[in-house]
Amino acid sequence: MKTRFRPILAVGALVTAFGLLVTGCGTTDVATEDGHVVEHAMGSTTVPDAPQRIVVLDSPHLDALLALDLTPIAFTERAMGYGAPKYLGDRLDGVATVGTIQEPDLDAIAELEPDLIIGAKVRHEALYTQLAAIAPTVFSVTSGTDWHDQATLTAAAVGESAEMTRLITDLDTRAKAVGERIGATGTTVSMVRFTQDRFRLYGPDTFSGSVLAQIGYTHPPREWNQYSMVELDPEQYAQINGDTVFHADYTGNATGTVKARVVGLWGTLPGVRAGRDHAVDDDTWMLGIGVIGANKIIDDVARITAK
């Protein structure tokens, strides 16, 4: 990771300490002479009222920003050379990249002279002090799980909280309407992601799992980890026990994953036996964390179940 950079715009990133009204998601904002104060995972930060040069470090905040019709000046990639998440189409053509989600390039970020940086504590807590010396920086607590919080934080940072509330409400209304149309209520679902050595089941608090729950599906009861997932060996394929199964390949390529091994074993499972196992796009269902991605998942579910 590159760490050489020139601290700039440090004044705007100073943490403020005066009274804030805390909302349920912890991302309230209060107007000041210099902008507005946003409470977030790392404290309270004064942000310009209309930031123009925003750098985004993680997928949920990127989706949220674009859902609000705002375009960042830079974002981090899933992997070097991967570019923007494919589900976003050409909406980020020409926008700079500044390293990967795992390793943001601090030099490149500083050279762009942003007026706002948005990221996640779970990913970048160790970089917060350095980032905050470059520009006002706000972090959500998590990434992917509880994705509404990441969307709400992003909206608060750019002064668009009311619009994000409307977008999330509209999404929930649409999800329920599709769920009623396809008869999702009372149907269990397994959300599977095949990785190199194992497979993961995604629970009701993950992004894709939560959208499926919004539609009306129920996840079979199990003990989820702190990220609302379980990671299993191919021989534990019987855990894929939903009436309907959606599955994705890590990085979008089944080659090199355990998919072939699991598929070779799972023929007697209820969802598979009934022909209700459906391949979905990893980029959308795993990276499309936000309003735009959720609407695309709802599109996929409506299309797939109509067959």
Protein backbone atom coordinates (compact mmCIF):
# COMPACT_ATOMS: atom_id res chain seq x y z
CA MET A 1 0.00 0.00 0.00
CA LYS A 2 1.28 3.46 -0.84
CA THR A 3 1.43 5.74 2.17
CA ARG A 4 3.35 8.81 1.04
CA PHE A 5 1.08 11.82 0.79
CA ARG A 6 0.93 15.50 1.52
CA PRO A 7 -1.63 16.37 4.24
CA ILE A 8 -4.03 18.91 2.73
CA LEU A 9 -7.42 20.31 3.61
CA ALA A 10 -6.82 19.22 7.19
CA VAL A 11 -8.93 21.96 8.74
CA GLY A 12 -12.11 20.69 7.11
CA ALA A 13 -11.50 17.22 8.55
CA LEU A 14 -11.22 18.24 12.21
CA VAL A 15 -13.55 16.25 14.42
CA THR A 16 -16.08 18.47 16.12
CA ALA A 17 -17.53 17.84 19.52
CA PHE A 18 -20.63 19.92 19.98
CA GLY A 19 -24.18 18.65 20.48
CA LEU A 20 -25.72 16.32 17.94
CA LEU A 21 -29.08 14.62 17.93
CA VAL A 22 -28.38 10.95 17.33
CA THR A 23 -30.73 9.08 15.02
CA GLY A 24 -31.30 5.33 15.00
CA CYS A 25 -28.69 4.79 12.30
CA GLY A 26 -26.22 7.22 13.84
CA THR A 27 -25.74 9.37 10.74
CA THR A 28 -27.46 12.63 11.60
CA ASP A 29 -26.20 15.95 10.24
CA VAL A 30 -26.38 19.46 11.73
CA ALA A 31 -25.78 22.72 9.86
CA THR A 32 -22.81 24.90 10.79
CA GLU A 33 -21.18 27.99 9.28
CA ASP A 34 -18.59 25.78 7.57
CA GLY A 35 -21.02 23.17 6.27
CA HIS A 36 -22.81 20.46 8.21
CA VAL A 37 -21.68 18.04 10.90
CA VAL A 38 -22.09 14.33 10.20
CA GLU A 39 -21.95 11.82 13.01
CA HIS A 40 -20.43 8.53 11.87
CA ALA A 41 -18.46 5.48 12.99
CA MET A 42 -15.33 7.47 13.83
CA GLY A 43 -16.91 10.48 15.50
CA SER A 44 -18.30 13.77 14.16
CA THR A 45 -16.94 15.52 11.07
CA THR A 46 -17.73 18.83 9.40
CA VAL A 47 -18.47 18.32 5.72
CA PRO A 48 -19.03 21.00 3.03
CA ASP A 49 -22.70 21.55 2.27
CA ALA A 50 -22.31 20.69 -1.39
CA PRO A 51 -19.16 18.58 -1.79
CA GLN A 52 -17.94 18.51 -5.38
CA ARG A 53 -14.86 16.29 -5.21
CA ILE A 54 -15.88 13.05 -3.52
CA VAL A 55 -13.68 9.96 -3.25
CA VAL A 56 -15.45 6.69 -2.44
CA LEU A 57 -13.58 3.77 -0.89
CA ASP A 58 -16.21 1.02 -0.86
CA SER A 59 -19.04 -0.43 -2.95
CA PRO A 60 -22.12 0.49 -0.83
CA HIS A 61 -21.23 4.17 -0.71
CA LEU A 62 -20.52 4.19 -4.45
CA ASP A 63 -23.97 2.78 -5.22
CA ALA A 64 -25.59 5.27 -2.83
CA LEU A 65 -23.85 8.25 -4.40
CA LEU A 66 -24.85 7.26 -7.92
CA ALA A 67 -28.43 6.55 -6.78
CA LEU A 68 -28.50 10.20 -5.69
CA ASP A 69 -27.32 11.23 -9.18
CA LEU A 70 -23.92 12.30 -7.88
CA THR A 71 -20.65 11.11 -9.43
CA PRO A 72 -17.42 10.81 -7.43
CA ILE A 73 -14.09 12.02 -8.76
CA ALA A 74 -12.55 8.65 -7.85
CA PHE A 75 -13.35 5.23 -6.42
CA THR A 76 -11.51 2.06 -5.40
CA GLU A 77 -11.67 -1.12 -7.48
CA ARG A 78 -12.60 -4.66 -6.51
CA ALA A 79 -9.17 -5.69 -7.83
CA MET A 80 -6.50 -3.87 -9.80
CA GLY A 81 -7.67 -3.43 -13.37
CA TYR A 82 -11.24 -4.56 -12.61
CA GLY A 83 -12.70 -1.10 -13.02
CA ALA A 84 -16.20 -0.14 -11.96
CA PRO A 85 -18.75 -2.76 -10.88
CA LYS A 86 -20.26 -4.05 -14.12
CA TYR A 87 -23.84 -3.62 -12.96
CA LEU A 88 -23.32 0.16 -13.08
CA GLY A 89 -22.75 0.09 -16.82
CA ASP A 90 -20.97 3.18 -18.15
CA ARG A 91 -21.91 5.49 -15.28
CA LEU A 92 -18.29 5.71 -14.11
CA ASP A 93 -16.58 5.95 -17.49
CA GLY A 94 -13.68 8.36 -17.22
CA VAL A 95 -13.73 8.44 -13.41
CA ALA A 96 -10.33 7.84 -11.77
CA THR A 97 -9.51 4.79 -9.65
CA VAL A 98 -7.42 5.09 -6.49
CA GLY A 99 -6.21 1.60 -5.65
CA THR A 100 -8.35 -1.29 -4.48
CA ILE A 101 -11.01 -1.54 -1.80
CA GLN A 102 -8.50 -3.52 0.26
CA GLU A 103 -5.60 -1.11 -0.38
CA PRO A 104 -6.59 2.47 -1.25
CA ASP A 105 -3.79 4.54 -2.77
CA LEU A 106 -3.38 7.45 -0.35
CA ASP A 107 -0.99 9.35 -2.63
CA ALA A 108 -3.46 9.24 -5.51
CA ILE A 109 -6.30 10.32 -3.24
CA ALA A 110 -4.32 13.30 -1.90
CA GLU A 111 -3.31 14.44 -5.37
CA LEU A 112 -6.97 14.70 -6.37
CA GLU A 113 -7.63 17.19 -3.54
CA PRO A 114 -11.05 15.81 -2.57
CA ASP A 115 -13.45 17.72 -0.35
CA LEU A 116 -15.05 14.52 1.01
CA ILE A 117 -13.93 10.90 1.48
CA ILE A 118 -16.44 8.14 2.29
CA GLY A 119 -15.54 4.63 3.49
CA ALA A 120 -16.15 1.92 6.09
CA LYS A 121 -14.58 1.41 9.50
CA VAL A 122 -14.60 -2.37 9.09
CA ARG A 123 -12.29 -2.00 6.09
CA HIS A 124 -10.24 1.14 6.61
CA GLU A 125 -10.15 2.01 10.30
CA ALA A 126 -6.32 1.93 10.33
CA LEU A 127 -6.23 4.58 7.56
CA TYR A 128 -8.73 6.98 9.06
CA THR A 129 -6.28 9.48 10.57
CA GLN A 130 -4.32 9.71 7.32
CA LEU A 131 -7.46 10.07 5.23
CA ALA A 132 -8.93 12.70 7.55
CA ALA A 133 -5.74 14.73 7.10
CA ILE A 134 -6.45 14.84 3.38
CA ALA A 135 -10.14 15.79 3.48
CA PRO A 136 -13.26 15.49 5.67
CA THR A 137 -13.75 11.73 6.00
CA VAL A 138 -16.82 9.82 7.15
CA PHE A 139 -17.02 6.07 7.78
CA SER A 140 -19.94 3.70 8.13
CA VAL A 141 -19.50 0.97 10.74
CA THR A 142 -19.83 -1.99 8.40
CA SER A 143 -19.90 -2.80 4.70
CA GLY A 144 -22.52 -4.95 3.02
CA THR A 145 -24.37 -6.01 6.16
CA ASP A 146 -26.91 -3.40 7.29
CA TRP A 147 -26.51 -1.72 3.91
CA HIS A 148 -29.23 0.83 4.68
CA ASP A 149 -26.84 2.40 7.19
CA GLN A 150 -24.18 2.85 4.50
CA ALA A 151 -26.71 4.41 2.15
CA THR A 152 -28.02 6.68 4.90
CA LEU A 153 -24.53 7.83 5.88
CA THR A 154 -23.62 8.64 2.29
CA ALA A 155 -26.81 10.64 1.87
CA ALA A 156 -26.22 12.54 5.13
CA ALA A 157 -22.69 13.40 4.03
CA VAL A 158 -23.91 15.00 0.80
CA GLY A 159 -27.05 16.57 2.26
CA GLU A 160 -29.53 14.23 0.56
CA SER A 161 -31.03 12.34 3.49
CA ALA A 162 -34.65 12.94 2.47
CA GLU A 163 -34.02 11.69 -1.05
CA MET A 164 -32.36 8.50 0.19
CA THR A 165 -35.29 7.86 2.51
CA ARG A 166 -37.60 8.14 -0.49
CA LEU A 167 -35.45 5.79 -2.59
CA ILE A 168 -35.34 3.14 0.15
CA THR A 169 -39.09 3.41 0.76
CA ASP A 170 -39.80 3.03 -2.96
CA LEU A 171 -37.48 0.02 -3.10
CA ASP A 172 -39.26 -1.68 -0.22
CA THR A 173 -42.64 -1.07 -1.82
CA ARG A 174 -41.44 -2.54 -5.11
CA ALA A 175 -39.84 -5.57 -3.43
CA LYS A 176 -43.06 -6.40 -1.61
CA ALA A 177 -45.12 -6.02 -4.79
CA VAL A 178 -42.85 -8.42 -6.70
CA GLY A 179 -42.85 -10.83 -3.76
CA GLU A 180 -46.63 -10.91 -3.70
CA ARG A 181 -46.77 -11.47 -7.45
CA ILE A 182 -44.38 -14.46 -7.39
CA GLY A 183 -45.65 -15.94 -4.12
CA ALA A 184 -42.39 -15.56 -2.18
CA THR A 185 -44.06 -15.54 1.23
CA GLY A 186 -43.74 -18.93 2.90
CA THR A 187 -40.90 -19.96 0.58
CA THR A 188 -37.44 -20.56 1.99
CA VAL A 189 -34.36 -19.43 0.10
CA SER A 190 -30.66 -20.26 0.01
CA MET A 191 -28.26 -17.61 -1.29
CA VAL A 192 -25.02 -19.38 -2.24
CA ARG A 193 -21.64 -18.07 -3.36
CA PHE A 194 -19.06 -20.54 -4.63
CA THR A 195 -15.47 -19.65 -3.72
CA GLN A 196 -12.14 -21.34 -4.38
CA ASP A 197 -12.23 -23.95 -1.63
CA ARG A 198 -15.65 -23.64 0.01
CA PHE A 199 -19.08 -22.12 -0.45
CA ARG A 200 -20.87 -19.44 1.54
CA LEU A 201 -24.50 -19.09 2.52
CA TYR A 202 -25.59 -15.47 2.81
CA GLY A 203 -28.06 -14.65 5.56
CA PRO A 204 -30.84 -12.10 6.08
CA ASP A 205 -28.49 -9.26 7.09
CA THR A 206 -26.19 -9.53 4.08
CA PHE A 207 -26.97 -7.36 1.09
CA SER A 208 -28.41 -9.96 -1.29
CA GLY A 209 -29.93 -11.91 1.59
CA SER A 210 -31.71 -8.83 2.90
CA VAL A 211 -33.15 -8.01 -0.53
CA LEU A 212 -34.49 -11.55 -0.81
CA ALA A 213 -36.05 -11.10 2.64
CA GLN A 214 -37.61 -7.81 1.50
CA ILE A 215 -39.16 -9.67 -1.41
CA GLY A 216 -40.70 -12.07 1.10
CA TYR A 217 -38.44 -15.12 1.12
CA THR A 218 -37.42 -16.70 4.43
CA HIS A 219 -33.90 -17.95 5.16
CA PRO A 220 -33.85 -21.37 6.85
CA PRO A 221 -32.88 -20.93 10.52
CA ARG A 222 -29.20 -21.41 11.35
CA GLU A 223 -26.44 -19.74 13.36
CA TRP A 224 -25.01 -16.95 11.26
CA ASN A 225 -21.62 -15.38 11.93
CA GLN A 226 -21.12 -11.67 12.62
CA TYR A 227 -21.37 -10.97 8.90
CA SER A 228 -24.65 -12.92 8.58
CA MET A 229 -22.91 -15.71 6.67
CA VAL A 230 -21.74 -19.28 7.09
CA GLU A 231 -18.81 -20.78 5.19
CA LEU A 232 -18.98 -24.49 4.46
CA ASP A 233 -17.07 -27.33 2.80
CA PRO A 234 -18.44 -28.88 -0.41
CA GLU A 235 -19.41 -32.02 1.52
CA GLN A 236 -21.82 -29.89 3.57
CA TYR A 237 -23.93 -29.23 0.48
CA ALA A 238 -27.08 -30.43 2.29
CA GLN A 239 -27.05 -27.06 4.09
CA ILE A 240 -28.29 -25.55 0.81
CA ASN A 241 -31.80 -26.50 1.86
CA GLY A 242 -33.97 -23.63 0.66
CA ASP A 243 -37.06 -24.20 -1.49
CA THR A 244 -35.41 -21.81 -3.96
CA VAL A 245 -31.66 -21.49 -4.51
CA PHE A 246 -29.81 -18.53 -6.00
CA HIS A 247 -26.08 -19.01 -6.57
CA ALA A 248 -23.17 -16.91 -7.79
CA ASP A 249 -19.52 -17.60 -8.65
CA TYR A 250 -16.84 -15.61 -6.86
CA THR A 251 -15.47 -12.96 -9.28
CA GLY A 252 -18.02 -14.18 -11.79
CA ASN A 253 -15.99 -17.20 -12.95
CA ALA A 254 -16.85 -20.76 -11.93
CA THR A 255 -13.40 -21.97 -12.99
CA GLY A 256 -11.31 -22.53 -9.90
CA THR A 257 -14.27 -22.65 -7.51
CA VAL A 258 -15.97 -25.60 -5.81
CA LYS A 259 -19.11 -25.16 -7.91
CA ALA A 260 -18.61 -28.30 -10.00
CA ARG A 261 -18.09 -30.42 -6.88
CA VAL A 262 -21.18 -29.07 -5.13
CA VAL A 263 -23.40 -29.27 -8.22
CA GLY A 264 -22.29 -32.86 -8.66
CA LEU A 265 -23.63 -33.66 -5.20
CA TRP A 266 -26.72 -31.55 -4.71
CA GLY A 267 -29.21 -33.19 -7.09
CA THR A 268 -31.47 -34.50 -4.31
CA LEU A 269 -31.82 -31.15 -2.53
CA PRO A 270 -35.41 -29.80 -2.54
CA GLY A 271 -34.78 -26.61 -4.49
CA VAL A 272 -32.56 -28.30 -7.05
CA ARG A 273 -34.86 -31.30 -7.49
CA ALA A 274 -37.75 -28.91 -8.16
CA GLY A 275 -35.70 -26.99 -10.76
CA ARG A 276 -35.60 -23.86 -8.63
CA ASP A 277 -31.82 -23.37 -8.60
CA HIS A 278 -30.80 -20.21 -10.43
CA ALA A 279 -27.39 -18.82 -11.37
CA VAL A 280 -27.10 -15.06 -10.83
CA ASP A 281 -24.45 -12.45 -11.53
CA ASP A 282 -21.82 -12.14 -8.79
CA ASP A 283 -21.02 -8.53 -9.65
CA THR A 284 -24.62 -7.43 -9.11
CA TRP A 285 -25.64 -9.67 -6.22
CA MET A 286 -22.40 -9.30 -4.26
CA LEU A 287 -21.04 -5.86 -5.25
CA GLY A 288 -24.28 -4.07 -6.11
CA ILE A 289 -24.74 -3.05 -2.50
CA GLY A 290 -27.34 -0.30 -2.51
CA VAL A 291 -30.51 0.99 -4.09
CA ILE A 292 -29.33 0.53 -7.68
CA GLY A 293 -28.06 -3.00 -7.07
CA ALA A 294 -31.13 -3.98 -5.04
CA ASN A 295 -33.44 -2.91 -7.84
CA LYS A 296 -31.41 -5.04 -10.25
CA ILE A 297 -31.73 -8.04 -7.93
CA ILE A 298 -35.49 -7.52 -7.85
CA ASP A 299 -35.41 -7.36 -11.68
CA ASP A 300 -33.51 -10.67 -11.75
CA VAL A 301 -35.88 -12.40 -9.33
CA ALA A 302 -38.94 -11.22 -11.27
CA ARG A 303 -37.40 -12.39 -14.58
CA ILE A 304 -36.13 -15.73 -13.28
CA THR A 305 -39.33 -16.73 -11.50
CA ALA A 306 -41.44 -15.80 -14.53
CA LYS A 307 -39.85 -18.61 -16.56
